[in-house]
Amino acid sequence: MDTRAILDHQFTVAAYAVTWAIQLGYLAWLGLKWRAQKRTAERNAKQTR
């Protein structure tokens, strides 16, 4: 393999890794927001009793 092909492959792998990291980070952020919203809803339900 020539140097150019190796670099192209490395950049492609890096781009996929960054994309997956961003997507997994966003999914984790959504999970944290959902958990906080659930906790707030439970607190509000207990206060109205």
C-alpha atoms as a PDB file:
ATOM      1  CA  MET A   1       0.000   0.000   0.000  1.00  0.00           C
ATOM      2  CA  ASP A   2       1.210   3.461  -0.699  1.00  0.00           C
ATOM      3  CA  THR A   3       1.351   6.245   1.877  1.00  0.00           C
ATOM      4  CA  ARG A   4      -1.632   8.094   0.386  1.00  0.00           C
ATOM      5  CA  ALA A   5      -3.914   5.057   0.655  1.00  0.00           C
ATOM      6  CA  ILE A   6      -2.870   4.490   4.270  1.00  0.00           C
ATOM      7  CA  LEU A   7      -3.592   8.126   5.171  1.00  0.00           C
ATOM      8  CA  ASP A   8      -6.956   8.022   3.372  1.00  0.00           C
ATOM      9  CA  HIS A   9      -7.873   4.902   5.338  1.00  0.00           C
ATOM     10  CA  GLN A  10      -6.728   6.442   8.636  1.00  0.00           C
ATOM     11  CA  PHE A  11      -8.777   9.581   8.017  1.00  0.00           C
ATOM     12  CA  THR A  12     -11.833   7.480   7.155  1.00  0.00           C
ATOM     13  CA  VAL A  13     -11.460   5.432  10.341  1.00  0.00           C
ATOM     14  CA  ALA A  14     -10.960   8.610  12.376  1.00  0.00           C
ATOM     15  CA  ALA A  15     -14.059  10.200  10.826  1.00  0.00           C
ATOM     16  CA  TYR A  16     -16.164   7.138  11.683  1.00  0.00           C
ATOM     17  CA  ALA A  17     -14.770   7.056  15.231  1.00  0.00           C
ATOM     18  CA  VAL A  18     -15.553  10.745  15.775  1.00  0.00           C
ATOM     19  CA  THR A  19     -19.042  10.303  14.333  1.00  0.00           C
ATOM     20  CA  TRP A  20     -19.768   7.344  16.623  1.00  0.00           C
ATOM     21  CA  ALA A  21     -18.392   9.219  19.623  1.00  0.00           C
ATOM     22  CA  ILE A  22     -20.649  12.190  18.898  1.00  0.00           C
ATOM     23  CA  GLN A  23     -23.701   9.972  18.419  1.00  0.00           C
ATOM     24  CA  LEU A  24     -23.064   7.968  21.594  1.00  0.00           C
ATOM     25  CA  GLY A  25     -22.446  11.181  23.531  1.00  0.00           C
ATOM     26  CA  TYR A  26     -25.729  12.605  22.291  1.00  0.00           C
ATOM     27  CA  LEU A  27     -27.533   9.398  23.247  1.00  0.00           C
ATOM     28  CA  ALA A  28     -26.034   9.579  26.745  1.00  0.00           C
ATOM     29  CA  TRP A  29     -27.074  13.240  27.028  1.00  0.00           C
ATOM     30  CA  LEU A  30     -30.642  12.345  26.005  1.00  0.00           C
ATOM     31  CA  GLY A  31     -30.659   9.564  28.613  1.00  0.00           C
ATOM     32  CA  LEU A  32     -29.546  11.954  31.340  1.00  0.00           C
ATOM     33  CA  LYS A  33     -32.166  14.524  30.337  1.00  0.00           C
ATOM     34  CA  TRP A  34     -34.858  11.823  30.287  1.00  0.00           C
ATOM     35  CA  ARG A  35     -33.837  10.585  33.732  1.00  0.00           C
ATOM     36  CA  ALA A  36     -33.891  14.118  35.148  1.00  0.00           C
ATOM     37  CA  GLN A  37     -37.312  14.750  33.615  1.00  0.00           C
ATOM     38  CA  LYS A  38     -38.623  11.486  35.086  1.00  0.00           C
ATOM     39  CA  ARG A  39     -37.249  12.410  38.511  1.00  0.00           C
ATOM     40  CA  THR A  40     -38.870  15.872  38.336  1.00  0.00           C
ATOM     41  CA  ALA A  41     -42.212  14.352  37.335  1.00  0.00           C
ATOM     42  CA  GLU A  42     -42.082  11.949  40.301  1.00  0.00           C
ATOM     43  CA  ARG A  43     -41.255  14.822  42.662  1.00  0.00           C
ATOM     44  CA  ASN A  44     -44.176  16.868  41.335  1.00  0.00           C
ATOM     45  CA  ALA A  45     -46.529  13.896  41.662  1.00  0.00           C
ATOM     46  CA  LYS A  46     -45.542  13.428  45.321  1.00  0.00           C
ATOM     47  CA  GLN A  47     -46.080  17.123  46.079  1.00  0.00           C
ATOM     48  CA  THR A  48     -49.619  17.132  44.674  1.00  0.00           C
ATOM     49  CA  ARG A  49     -50.751  14.315  46.970  1.00  0.00           C
END
